[in-house]
Protein backbone atom coordinates (compact mmCIF):
# COMPACT_ATOMS: atom_id res chain seq x y z
CA MET A 1 59.17 -60.28 -133.38
CA THR A 2 59.01 -56.67 -134.22
CA LEU A 3 57.02 -53.54 -134.89
CA ILE A 4 57.08 -51.85 -138.29
CA LEU A 5 55.00 -48.81 -139.24
CA ALA A 6 54.37 -47.35 -142.69
CA LEU A 7 52.61 -43.97 -142.53
CA LYS A 8 51.49 -41.75 -145.40
CA TRP A 9 52.46 -38.11 -144.96
CA VAL A 10 50.74 -35.45 -147.10
CA LEU A 11 52.62 -32.16 -147.46
CA GLY A 12 52.03 -29.44 -150.02
CA GLY A 13 49.50 -31.57 -151.86
CA LYS A 14 51.99 -34.37 -152.43
CA GLU A 15 52.20 -37.66 -150.57
CA GLY A 16 55.25 -39.20 -148.92
CA VAL A 17 55.81 -42.42 -147.01
CA VAL A 18 57.71 -42.94 -143.75
CA VAL A 19 58.61 -46.53 -142.82
CA SER A 20 59.99 -47.02 -139.31
CA SER A 21 60.87 -50.00 -137.15
CA ASP A 22 62.32 -51.13 -133.87
CA SER A 23 65.53 -53.13 -134.30
CA LYS A 24 65.04 -55.97 -131.84
CA VAL A 25 64.87 -59.64 -132.82
CA THR A 26 63.92 -62.28 -130.25
CA VAL A 27 64.63 -65.97 -130.90
CA GLY A 28 63.77 -68.01 -127.82
CA PRO A 29 65.77 -66.59 -124.91
CA VAL A 30 68.15 -64.70 -127.22
CA SER A 31 67.61 -61.11 -128.36
CA TYR A 32 69.75 -59.08 -130.75
CA GLU A 33 69.49 -56.03 -133.01
CA THR A 34 69.11 -56.14 -136.77
CA ARG A 35 67.94 -53.91 -139.60
CA LYS A 36 64.33 -54.51 -140.63
CA VAL A 37 63.67 -51.68 -143.08
CA TYR A 38 65.23 -52.11 -146.51
CA PRO A 39 65.48 -49.27 -149.07
CA ILE A 40 65.28 -50.54 -152.65
CA ILE A 41 67.44 -48.38 -154.92
CA LEU A 42 68.56 -48.98 -158.50
CA THR A 43 72.11 -47.85 -159.33
CA LEU A 44 72.89 -47.27 -163.02
CA ASP A 45 75.93 -45.49 -164.42
CA GLY A 46 76.63 -43.91 -161.05
CA LYS A 47 73.07 -42.60 -160.75
CA THR A 48 70.71 -43.80 -158.03
CA VAL A 49 66.99 -44.28 -158.66
CA PRO A 50 64.73 -44.74 -155.58
CA LEU A 51 62.25 -47.55 -156.17
CA ALA A 52 60.62 -48.51 -152.86
CA ILE A 53 60.94 -49.19 -149.14
CA ALA A 54 60.37 -52.69 -147.76
CA GLY A 55 59.92 -53.73 -144.14
CA GLY A 56 59.51 -57.33 -143.02
CA ALA A 57 58.58 -59.24 -139.89
CA GLY A 58 58.92 -63.00 -139.37
CA ASP A 59 61.48 -65.60 -140.42
CA ALA A 60 64.72 -63.73 -141.13
CA SER A 61 65.80 -65.90 -144.09
CA LEU A 62 62.37 -65.63 -145.71
CA ILE A 63 62.33 -61.86 -145.26
CA LYS A 64 65.77 -61.50 -146.88
CA GLN A 65 64.71 -63.67 -149.82
CA SER A 66 61.59 -61.56 -150.21
CA TYR A 67 63.61 -58.33 -150.25
CA ARG A 68 65.76 -59.72 -153.06
CA ILE A 69 62.67 -60.73 -155.05
CA CYS A 70 61.19 -57.23 -154.68
CA GLU A 71 64.49 -55.66 -155.66
CA ARG A 72 64.82 -57.82 -158.77
CA VAL A 73 61.24 -57.28 -159.98
CA LEU A 74 61.30 -53.52 -159.40
CA SER A 75 64.76 -53.05 -160.93
CA ASP A 76 63.77 -55.01 -164.05
CA LEU A 77 60.60 -52.93 -164.35
CA ALA A 78 62.49 -49.64 -163.98
CA VAL A 79 64.95 -50.60 -166.71
CA ARG A 80 62.44 -52.13 -169.15
CA GLU A 81 59.35 -49.92 -168.78
CA CYS A 82 60.07 -46.87 -166.64
CA GLU A 83 62.93 -45.28 -168.59
CA LYS A 84 65.21 -45.97 -165.61
CA LYS A 85 63.02 -43.85 -163.34
CA THR A 86 60.94 -44.47 -160.25
CA PRO A 87 57.79 -46.41 -161.29
CA SER A 88 54.49 -44.60 -161.62
CA PHE A 89 51.60 -45.52 -159.32
CA ASP A 90 50.14 -47.90 -161.94
CA GLN A 91 53.54 -49.40 -162.80
CA PHE A 92 54.24 -50.07 -159.13
CA GLU A 93 50.87 -51.83 -158.84
CA LYS A 94 51.88 -54.02 -161.77
CA ALA A 95 55.18 -54.89 -160.06
CA VAL A 96 53.33 -55.77 -156.84
CA LYS A 97 51.15 -58.24 -158.74
CA GLN A 98 54.28 -59.91 -160.14
CA ILE A 99 55.82 -60.09 -156.67
CA GLU A 100 52.57 -61.48 -155.28
CA THR A 101 52.56 -64.29 -157.87
CA ILE A 102 56.15 -65.25 -156.97
CA PHE A 103 55.43 -65.14 -153.23
CA ILE A 104 52.29 -67.29 -153.49
CA LYS A 105 54.15 -69.99 -155.45
CA ARG A 106 57.18 -69.89 -153.14
CA PHE A 107 55.18 -69.98 -149.92
CA ARG A 108 52.99 -72.84 -151.17
CA GLU A 109 56.10 -74.89 -151.90
CA LEU A 110 57.44 -74.23 -148.40
CA ARG A 111 54.14 -75.18 -146.76
CA ASP A 112 54.02 -78.37 -148.84
CA GLN A 113 57.37 -79.25 -147.25
CA GLY A 114 55.74 -79.02 -143.82
CA LEU A 115 57.15 -75.60 -142.86
CA ASP A 116 55.10 -73.23 -140.71
CA LEU A 117 55.68 -69.76 -142.15
CA SER A 118 55.97 -66.57 -140.12
CA PHE A 119 55.90 -63.68 -142.57
CA GLY A 120 54.56 -60.20 -142.99
CA MET A 121 55.91 -57.46 -145.25
CA ILE A 122 55.19 -53.87 -146.13
CA LEU A 123 56.19 -52.55 -149.55
CA ALA A 124 55.80 -48.81 -150.12
CA SER A 125 56.73 -46.30 -152.80
CA VAL A 126 56.07 -42.76 -154.02
CA ASP A 127 55.84 -42.06 -157.74
CA PRO A 128 57.28 -38.99 -159.55
CA HIS A 129 53.90 -37.22 -159.28
CA GLY A 130 53.82 -37.55 -155.49
CA LYS A 131 51.34 -40.43 -155.30
CA ALA A 132 52.06 -42.93 -152.53
CA SER A 133 51.56 -46.70 -152.59
CA ILE A 134 51.53 -48.94 -149.50
CA TYR A 135 50.97 -52.70 -149.83
CA LEU A 136 50.69 -55.23 -147.03
CA PHE A 137 51.77 -58.85 -147.74
CA ASP A 138 50.50 -61.68 -145.51
CA ASN A 139 51.95 -65.15 -144.85
CA ARG A 140 50.17 -66.52 -147.93
CA GLY A 141 51.98 -64.05 -150.15
CA LEU A 142 48.83 -62.06 -150.90
CA ALA A 143 49.15 -58.29 -151.20
CA GLU A 144 46.55 -55.82 -149.92
CA PRO A 145 46.65 -52.15 -150.92
CA VAL A 146 46.27 -49.96 -147.83
CA HIS A 147 47.39 -46.56 -149.17
CA GLU A 148 43.79 -45.30 -149.46
CA ASN A 149 42.17 -47.14 -146.57
CA PRO A 150 43.34 -46.92 -143.81
CA GLY A 151 46.37 -45.09 -145.26
CA PHE A 152 48.93 -46.85 -143.06
CA ALA A 153 50.24 -50.32 -142.24
CA VAL A 154 51.44 -51.92 -138.99
CA ILE A 155 53.00 -55.41 -138.77
CA GLY A 156 54.74 -57.50 -136.12
CA THR A 157 53.69 -58.45 -132.60
CA GLY A 158 53.62 -54.75 -131.76
CA PHE A 159 50.45 -54.48 -133.86
CA PHE A 160 48.61 -56.52 -131.23
CA THR A 161 50.27 -54.94 -128.18
CA GLY A 162 49.43 -51.35 -128.99
CA GLY A 163 50.77 -50.11 -132.34
CA ASN A 164 47.41 -49.96 -134.10
CA LEU A 165 45.63 -48.83 -130.93
CA LEU A 166 47.98 -45.87 -130.40
CA LEU A 167 47.62 -44.66 -134.00
CA ARG A 168 43.84 -44.74 -133.63
CA LEU A 169 43.92 -43.11 -130.20
CA LEU A 170 46.21 -40.28 -131.35
CA GLY A 171 43.95 -39.64 -134.32
CA TYR A 172 46.35 -40.38 -137.17
CA SER A 173 44.83 -40.19 -140.64
CA PRO A 174 46.43 -39.48 -144.03
CA GLU A 175 44.09 -36.51 -144.53
CA GLY A 176 45.25 -34.85 -141.32
CA SER A 177 48.89 -35.96 -141.52
CA TYR A 178 50.02 -32.53 -142.75
CA MET A 179 49.45 -31.26 -139.20
CA LEU A 180 51.61 -34.00 -137.67
CA ASP A 181 55.31 -34.71 -137.41
CA ILE A 182 55.27 -38.31 -138.65
CA GLY A 183 58.82 -38.94 -137.44
CA ALA A 184 57.88 -37.96 -133.89
CA LEU A 185 54.69 -40.03 -134.10
CA SER A 186 56.55 -43.16 -135.27
CA THR A 187 59.15 -42.80 -132.53
CA PHE A 188 56.47 -42.32 -129.87
CA VAL A 189 54.46 -45.38 -130.94
CA ILE A 190 57.49 -47.71 -131.12
CA ASP A 191 58.89 -46.52 -127.78
CA VAL A 192 55.56 -46.86 -125.95
CA VAL A 193 54.92 -50.35 -127.34
CA SER A 194 58.46 -51.41 -126.39
CA GLU A 195 57.63 -50.64 -122.74
CA ILE A 196 54.93 -53.33 -122.64
CA ASP A 197 56.04 -55.84 -125.29
CA PRO A 198 59.40 -57.49 -124.48
CA ALA A 199 59.72 -58.65 -128.08
CA VAL A 200 59.76 -55.04 -129.35
CA GLY A 201 62.81 -52.86 -128.86
CA SER A 202 62.86 -49.10 -128.45
CA PHE A 203 63.33 -46.88 -131.48
CA ILE A 204 67.00 -46.40 -132.36
CA GLY A 205 66.59 -44.61 -135.65
CA GLU A 206 65.62 -47.18 -138.27
CA SER A 207 63.38 -45.01 -140.42
CA TYR A 208 63.28 -44.14 -144.13
CA TYR A 209 61.37 -41.34 -145.82
CA MET A 210 60.40 -41.39 -149.52
CA ARG A 211 58.97 -38.23 -151.05
CA VAL A 212 59.09 -35.83 -154.03
CA GLU A 213 61.01 -32.54 -153.78
CA ASP A 214 61.52 -30.18 -156.73
CA ASP A 215 60.10 -32.85 -159.08
CA GLU A 216 62.68 -35.39 -157.91
CA VAL A 217 61.93 -38.59 -156.00
CA LEU A 218 64.11 -38.82 -152.88
CA LEU A 219 64.63 -41.66 -150.41
CA GLY A 220 66.82 -41.45 -147.33
CA PRO A 221 67.29 -42.51 -143.70
CA LEU A 222 66.57 -40.49 -140.61
CA LYS A 223 69.60 -38.42 -139.63
CA GLU A 224 71.35 -38.90 -136.29
CA GLU A 225 70.45 -35.41 -135.05
CA ALA A 226 66.77 -36.09 -135.81
CA ILE A 227 66.90 -39.42 -133.94
CA LYS A 228 68.07 -37.69 -130.75
CA GLU A 229 65.43 -34.99 -131.12
CA TYR A 230 62.60 -37.48 -131.68
CA LYS A 231 63.65 -39.63 -128.73
CA GLU A 232 63.57 -36.62 -126.43
CA ARG A 233 60.24 -35.42 -127.81
CA ALA A 234 58.74 -38.90 -127.35
CA ARG A 235 59.89 -38.88 -123.70
CA GLN A 236 58.36 -35.46 -123.11
CA ARG A 237 55.08 -36.35 -124.79
CA LYS A 238 54.65 -39.48 -122.67
CA GLU A 239 55.11 -37.36 -119.55
CA ILE A 240 52.71 -34.66 -120.80
CA ILE A 241 49.98 -37.22 -121.55
CA ARG A 242 50.35 -38.76 -118.07
CA ARG A 243 50.22 -35.36 -116.38
CA MET A 244 47.24 -34.26 -118.48
CA TRP A 245 45.29 -37.37 -117.46
CA ARG A 246 45.92 -36.61 -113.77
CA ILE A 247 44.95 -32.94 -114.23
CA MET A 248 41.68 -33.90 -115.94
CA ASP A 249 40.78 -35.96 -112.87
CA SER A 250 41.32 -32.83 -110.75
CA VAL A 251 39.85 -29.98 -112.82
CA GLY A 252 37.69 -31.81 -115.36
CA GLU A 253 37.82 -32.31 -119.11
CA GLU A 254 36.03 -29.08 -120.02
CA LYS A 255 38.70 -26.81 -118.53
CA ILE A 256 41.46 -28.70 -120.33
CA ARG A 257 39.47 -28.45 -123.57
CA GLU A 258 39.19 -24.66 -123.15
CA LYS A 259 42.95 -24.30 -122.64
CA MET A 260 43.65 -26.47 -125.67
CA GLU A 261 41.30 -24.40 -127.83
CA GLU A 262 43.15 -21.24 -126.75
CA LEU A 263 46.46 -22.78 -127.82
CA GLU A 264 44.97 -23.91 -131.13
CA LYS A 265 43.70 -20.37 -131.83
CA GLU A 266 47.15 -18.96 -131.04
CA ARG A 267 48.77 -21.39 -133.44
CA LEU A 268 46.22 -20.59 -136.17
CA ASN A 269 46.90 -16.85 -135.80
CA GLU A 270 50.66 -17.46 -135.95
CA ASP A 271 50.24 -19.51 -139.13
CA ARG A 272 48.18 -16.76 -140.74
CA SER A 273 50.65 -14.03 -139.81
CA SER A 274 53.60 -16.02 -141.17
């Protein structure tokens, strides 16, 4: 059981992808921590080539097998057709179709053996032109592109206990993501869901960001200093939201709206002056 988020982040006209997860696994009465987000990187002649980020929820052995399949298909594609570079948007779509075919065949065989599959996976990438791809795989092995609509993916039990609801409530959208700190948003959502879903753990820093900087595709984990900052900001934002709700009951929504508009105007003026 888990909660994994993949959010598209648009900055400077180019798209990036942040994939974050809790790290708690619950099997019956036993809970333990494990890594659920897997960066897929090709290493050739000492050079690393970012290919994708995968995040899986469900049967641990099936998830690990699926990661290896994705890694093999994407690495072969990068070597054979991509000049040992990160795949383009169209090339990544082609790789996803190959992975989908393998998954469908594999999962059918397992079901024919009487196994009840628990599986969900997100596979995301950003091409050298700054175009993001996010695909959502279900327990049949079928892949659905979600990078355009809704522009994000949520899997695991946390989807049902608040992950999707919080993203909608807080107004996340790819178009407006440039105004948001996606790292802080991911941390907030995971931490809040963990408070009501015992199968979801709090955020401890499992997050990877894939983007283009200076015409180079980069993929890396969240740094330790950022983890501490996001955890503290998530705590403060929870308290602010609670206090704001109580204040609205006292002074009304209109007065709060006026104060917020004043702050928004101040920020807009600061942005213009800088």
